[in-house]
């Protein structure tokens, strides 16, 4: 039978080896990402031409006409009345 000291020594060696491999891999990965960010140009989206004129006839997304609200309310009321039976 092997003694506990030998097993702990093997465990410590394995742990240090594994942590070193992970540290080296992550260090290489960081430097490769930095290198790639310098080599590959950043994509700049084309600016969207904003319309200077605002059409007052069309409602803005935040406003809803009273007729639409009334139609939705009537539909919800009718649906609830038909499912309550």
N, C-alpha and C. Protein backbone atom coordinates (compact mmCIF):
# COMPACT_ATOMS: atom_id res chain seq x y z
N UNK A 1 0.83 -1.18 0.00
CA UNK A 1 0.00 0.00 0.00
C UNK A 1 0.87 1.24 0.00
N UNK A 2 0.43 2.22 -0.78
CA UNK A 2 1.20 3.45 -0.80
C UNK A 2 0.75 4.33 0.35
N UNK A 3 1.68 5.12 0.83
CA UNK A 3 1.33 5.97 1.98
C UNK A 3 0.63 7.24 1.51
N UNK A 4 0.02 7.93 2.46
CA UNK A 4 -0.78 9.11 2.15
C UNK A 4 0.08 10.26 1.65
N UNK A 5 1.32 10.35 2.11
CA UNK A 5 2.21 11.42 1.67
C UNK A 5 2.52 11.34 0.19
N UNK A 6 2.70 10.15 -0.30
CA UNK A 6 2.98 9.95 -1.72
C UNK A 6 1.77 10.33 -2.56
N UNK A 7 0.58 9.94 -2.10
CA UNK A 7 -0.64 10.29 -2.82
C UNK A 7 -0.88 11.79 -2.84
N UNK A 8 -0.62 12.46 -1.71
CA UNK A 8 -0.80 13.91 -1.66
C UNK A 8 0.22 14.61 -2.56
N UNK A 9 1.41 14.10 -2.63
CA UNK A 9 2.43 14.67 -3.51
C UNK A 9 2.04 14.53 -4.97
N UNK A 10 1.53 13.35 -5.33
CA UNK A 10 1.06 13.15 -6.71
C UNK A 10 -0.13 14.06 -7.03
N UNK A 11 -1.04 14.23 -6.08
CA UNK A 11 -2.20 15.10 -6.28
C UNK A 11 -1.77 16.54 -6.46
N UNK A 12 -0.81 16.99 -5.66
CA UNK A 12 -0.32 18.36 -5.76
C UNK A 12 0.38 18.58 -7.10
N UNK A 13 1.16 17.61 -7.53
CA UNK A 13 1.84 17.73 -8.82
C UNK A 13 0.83 17.80 -9.95
N UNK A 14 -0.17 16.97 -9.90
CA UNK A 14 -1.21 16.97 -10.93
C UNK A 14 -1.98 18.29 -10.93
N UNK A 15 -2.28 18.81 -9.74
CA UNK A 15 -3.01 20.06 -9.63
C UNK A 15 -2.19 21.22 -10.19
N UNK A 16 -0.94 21.31 -9.84
CA UNK A 16 -0.08 22.39 -10.32
C UNK A 16 0.12 22.29 -11.83
N UNK A 17 0.28 21.08 -12.33
CA UNK A 17 0.43 20.89 -13.77
C UNK A 17 -0.83 21.34 -14.51
N UNK A 18 -1.97 20.94 -14.03
CA UNK A 18 -3.24 21.32 -14.66
C UNK A 18 -3.46 22.82 -14.62
N UNK A 19 -3.21 23.45 -13.48
CA UNK A 19 -3.40 24.90 -13.36
C UNK A 19 -2.42 25.65 -14.26
N UNK A 20 -1.21 25.14 -14.38
CA UNK A 20 -0.21 25.78 -15.25
C UNK A 20 -0.63 25.70 -16.71
N UNK A 21 -1.13 24.55 -17.11
CA UNK A 21 -1.57 24.38 -18.49
C UNK A 21 -2.72 25.33 -18.80
N UNK A 22 -3.68 25.45 -17.91
CA UNK A 22 -4.82 26.35 -18.11
C UNK A 22 -4.35 27.79 -18.15
N UNK A 23 -3.43 28.18 -17.25
CA UNK A 23 -2.92 29.55 -17.23
C UNK A 23 -2.18 29.88 -18.53
N UNK A 24 -1.36 28.97 -18.99
CA UNK A 24 -0.61 29.20 -20.23
C UNK A 24 -1.57 29.29 -21.42
N UNK A 25 -2.56 28.41 -21.47
CA UNK A 25 -3.53 28.43 -22.55
C UNK A 25 -4.30 29.75 -22.56
N UNK A 26 -4.77 30.22 -21.40
CA UNK A 26 -5.52 31.46 -21.35
C UNK A 26 -4.65 32.66 -21.69
N UNK A 27 -3.37 32.64 -21.29
CA UNK A 27 -2.46 33.72 -21.63
C UNK A 27 -2.25 33.79 -23.14
N UNK A 28 -2.03 32.65 -23.77
CA UNK A 28 -1.87 32.61 -25.22
C UNK A 28 -3.15 33.09 -25.90
N UNK A 29 -4.31 32.69 -25.38
CA UNK A 29 -5.59 33.09 -25.95
C UNK A 29 -5.77 34.61 -25.88
N UNK A 30 -5.42 35.23 -24.76
CA UNK A 30 -5.54 36.68 -24.61
C UNK A 30 -4.67 37.39 -25.63
N UNK A 31 -3.42 36.95 -25.79
CA UNK A 31 -2.53 37.61 -26.74
C UNK A 31 -2.97 37.38 -28.19
N UNK A 32 -3.51 36.22 -28.50
CA UNK A 32 -4.02 35.98 -29.85
C UNK A 32 -5.24 36.85 -30.16
N UNK A 33 -6.11 37.05 -29.18
CA UNK A 33 -7.28 37.90 -29.39
C UNK A 33 -6.84 39.34 -29.58
N UNK A 34 -5.86 39.80 -28.81
CA UNK A 34 -5.33 41.16 -28.97
C UNK A 34 -4.71 41.33 -30.35
N UNK A 35 -3.95 40.34 -30.79
CA UNK A 35 -3.32 40.40 -32.10
C UNK A 35 -4.38 40.42 -33.20
N UNK A 36 -5.40 39.60 -33.04
CA UNK A 36 -6.45 39.55 -34.05
C UNK A 36 -7.23 40.86 -34.10
N UNK A 37 -7.44 41.50 -32.96
CA UNK A 37 -8.17 42.77 -32.96
C UNK A 37 -7.36 43.87 -33.65
N UNK A 38 -6.05 43.75 -33.67
CA UNK A 38 -5.23 44.73 -34.37
C UNK A 38 -5.15 44.43 -35.86
N UNK A 39 -5.20 43.16 -36.24
CA UNK A 39 -5.08 42.79 -37.64
C UNK A 39 -6.38 42.93 -38.41
N UNK A 40 -7.49 42.60 -37.80
CA UNK A 40 -8.79 42.65 -38.46
C UNK A 40 -9.40 44.02 -38.22
N UNK A 41 -9.75 44.73 -39.30
CA UNK A 41 -10.32 46.07 -39.10
C UNK A 41 -11.72 45.99 -38.50
N UNK A 42 -12.06 47.01 -37.74
CA UNK A 42 -13.37 47.06 -37.10
C UNK A 42 -14.41 47.46 -38.13
N UNK A 43 -15.55 46.78 -38.11
CA UNK A 43 -16.61 47.09 -39.05
C UNK A 43 -17.37 48.31 -38.54
N UNK A 44 -17.47 49.33 -39.39
CA UNK A 44 -18.19 50.54 -39.05
C UNK A 44 -19.48 50.55 -39.85
N UNK A 45 -20.63 50.56 -39.18
CA UNK A 45 -21.89 50.55 -39.92
C UNK A 45 -22.09 51.87 -40.65
N UNK A 46 -22.75 51.78 -41.80
CA UNK A 46 -23.04 52.98 -42.56
C UNK A 46 -24.09 53.79 -41.82
N UNK A 47 -23.92 55.11 -41.76
CA UNK A 47 -24.92 55.92 -41.04
C UNK A 47 -26.25 55.92 -41.78
N UNK A 48 -27.32 55.86 -41.03
CA UNK A 48 -28.66 55.85 -41.59
C UNK A 48 -29.09 57.30 -41.80
N UNK A 49 -29.50 57.60 -42.99
CA UNK A 49 -29.93 58.96 -43.29
C UNK A 49 -31.27 59.21 -42.62
N UNK A 50 -31.28 60.15 -41.69
CA UNK A 50 -32.50 60.46 -40.95
C UNK A 50 -33.35 61.43 -41.76
N UNK A 51 -34.63 61.19 -41.77
CA UNK A 51 -35.54 62.06 -42.48
C UNK A 51 -35.69 63.36 -41.70
N UNK A 52 -35.52 64.49 -42.37
CA UNK A 52 -35.61 65.80 -41.71
C UNK A 52 -37.06 66.23 -41.51
N UNK A 53 -37.96 65.77 -42.38
CA UNK A 53 -39.35 66.18 -42.27
C UNK A 53 -40.12 65.13 -41.50
N UNK A 54 -41.01 65.62 -40.65
CA UNK A 54 -41.85 64.74 -39.86
C UNK A 54 -43.27 64.85 -40.40
N UNK A 55 -43.83 63.71 -40.76
CA UNK A 55 -45.18 63.68 -41.30
C UNK A 55 -46.17 63.68 -40.15
N UNK A 56 -46.98 64.73 -40.03
CA UNK A 56 -47.91 64.86 -38.92
C UNK A 56 -49.16 64.01 -39.11
N UNK A 57 -49.43 63.56 -40.35
CA UNK A 57 -50.65 62.80 -40.59
C UNK A 57 -50.57 61.38 -40.03
N UNK A 58 -49.35 60.84 -39.92
CA UNK A 58 -49.20 59.49 -39.38
C UNK A 58 -49.00 59.56 -37.87
N UNK A 59 -49.72 58.73 -37.12
CA UNK A 59 -49.54 58.76 -35.66
C UNK A 59 -48.18 58.19 -35.27
N UNK A 60 -47.67 58.72 -34.21
CA UNK A 60 -46.40 58.20 -33.70
C UNK A 60 -46.67 56.87 -33.01
N UNK A 61 -45.64 56.04 -32.82
CA UNK A 61 -45.87 54.73 -32.19
C UNK A 61 -46.43 54.83 -30.78
N UNK A 62 -46.26 55.97 -30.09
CA UNK A 62 -46.74 56.07 -28.72
C UNK A 62 -48.21 56.48 -28.65
N UNK A 63 -48.80 56.92 -29.76
CA UNK A 63 -50.20 57.32 -29.73
C UNK A 63 -51.05 56.28 -30.46
N UNK A 64 -52.21 56.01 -29.87
CA UNK A 64 -53.14 55.06 -30.47
C UNK A 64 -54.48 55.78 -30.57
N UNK A 65 -55.11 55.64 -31.71
CA UNK A 65 -56.39 56.33 -31.90
C UNK A 65 -57.46 55.72 -31.00
N UNK A 66 -58.42 56.54 -30.59
CA UNK A 66 -59.50 56.03 -29.72
C UNK A 66 -60.33 54.94 -30.38
N UNK A 67 -60.47 54.96 -31.70
CA UNK A 67 -61.23 53.93 -32.39
C UNK A 67 -60.56 52.56 -32.23
N UNK A 68 -59.22 52.53 -32.29
CA UNK A 68 -58.48 51.27 -32.13
C UNK A 68 -58.65 50.75 -30.71
N UNK A 69 -58.57 51.65 -29.74
CA UNK A 69 -58.75 51.24 -28.33
C UNK A 69 -60.15 50.68 -28.13
N UNK A 70 -61.15 51.33 -28.70
CA UNK A 70 -62.53 50.85 -28.56
C UNK A 70 -62.72 49.49 -29.22
N UNK A 71 -62.12 49.30 -30.39
CA UNK A 71 -62.25 48.01 -31.09
C UNK A 71 -61.58 46.89 -30.29
N UNK A 72 -60.41 47.16 -29.75
CA UNK A 72 -59.70 46.13 -28.96
C UNK A 72 -60.48 45.83 -27.69
N UNK A 73 -61.00 46.87 -27.03
CA UNK A 73 -61.78 46.65 -25.80
C UNK A 73 -63.03 45.82 -26.08
N UNK A 74 -63.71 46.11 -27.19
CA UNK A 74 -64.91 45.34 -27.53
C UNK A 74 -64.56 43.89 -27.84
N UNK A 75 -63.45 43.67 -28.53
CA UNK A 75 -63.06 42.30 -28.86
C UNK A 75 -62.70 41.51 -27.60
N UNK A 76 -61.99 42.15 -26.68
CA UNK A 76 -61.64 41.46 -25.42
C UNK A 76 -62.88 41.16 -24.62
N UNK A 77 -63.80 42.12 -24.55
CA UNK A 77 -65.06 41.89 -23.80
C UNK A 77 -65.86 40.75 -24.41
N UNK A 78 -65.95 40.72 -25.74
CA UNK A 78 -66.70 39.65 -26.41
C UNK A 78 -66.02 38.30 -26.18
N UNK A 79 -64.68 38.25 -26.23
CA UNK A 79 -63.97 37.00 -26.01
C UNK A 79 -64.19 36.50 -24.59
N UNK A 80 -64.09 37.39 -23.64
CA UNK A 80 -64.28 36.97 -22.23
C UNK A 80 -65.72 36.52 -21.98
N UNK A 81 -66.67 37.17 -22.63
CA UNK A 81 -68.07 36.77 -22.46
C UNK A 81 -68.32 35.40 -23.08
N UNK A 82 -67.65 35.09 -24.19
CA UNK A 82 -67.91 33.80 -24.85
C UNK A 82 -67.20 32.66 -24.12
N UNK A 83 -66.09 32.93 -23.45
CA UNK A 83 -65.38 31.85 -22.75
C UNK A 83 -65.87 31.67 -21.33
N UNK A 84 -66.66 32.60 -20.80
CA UNK A 84 -67.15 32.49 -19.42
C UNK A 84 -68.32 31.52 -19.31
N UNK A 85 -68.90 31.11 -20.41
CA UNK A 85 -70.07 30.21 -20.37
C UNK A 85 -69.71 28.85 -19.91
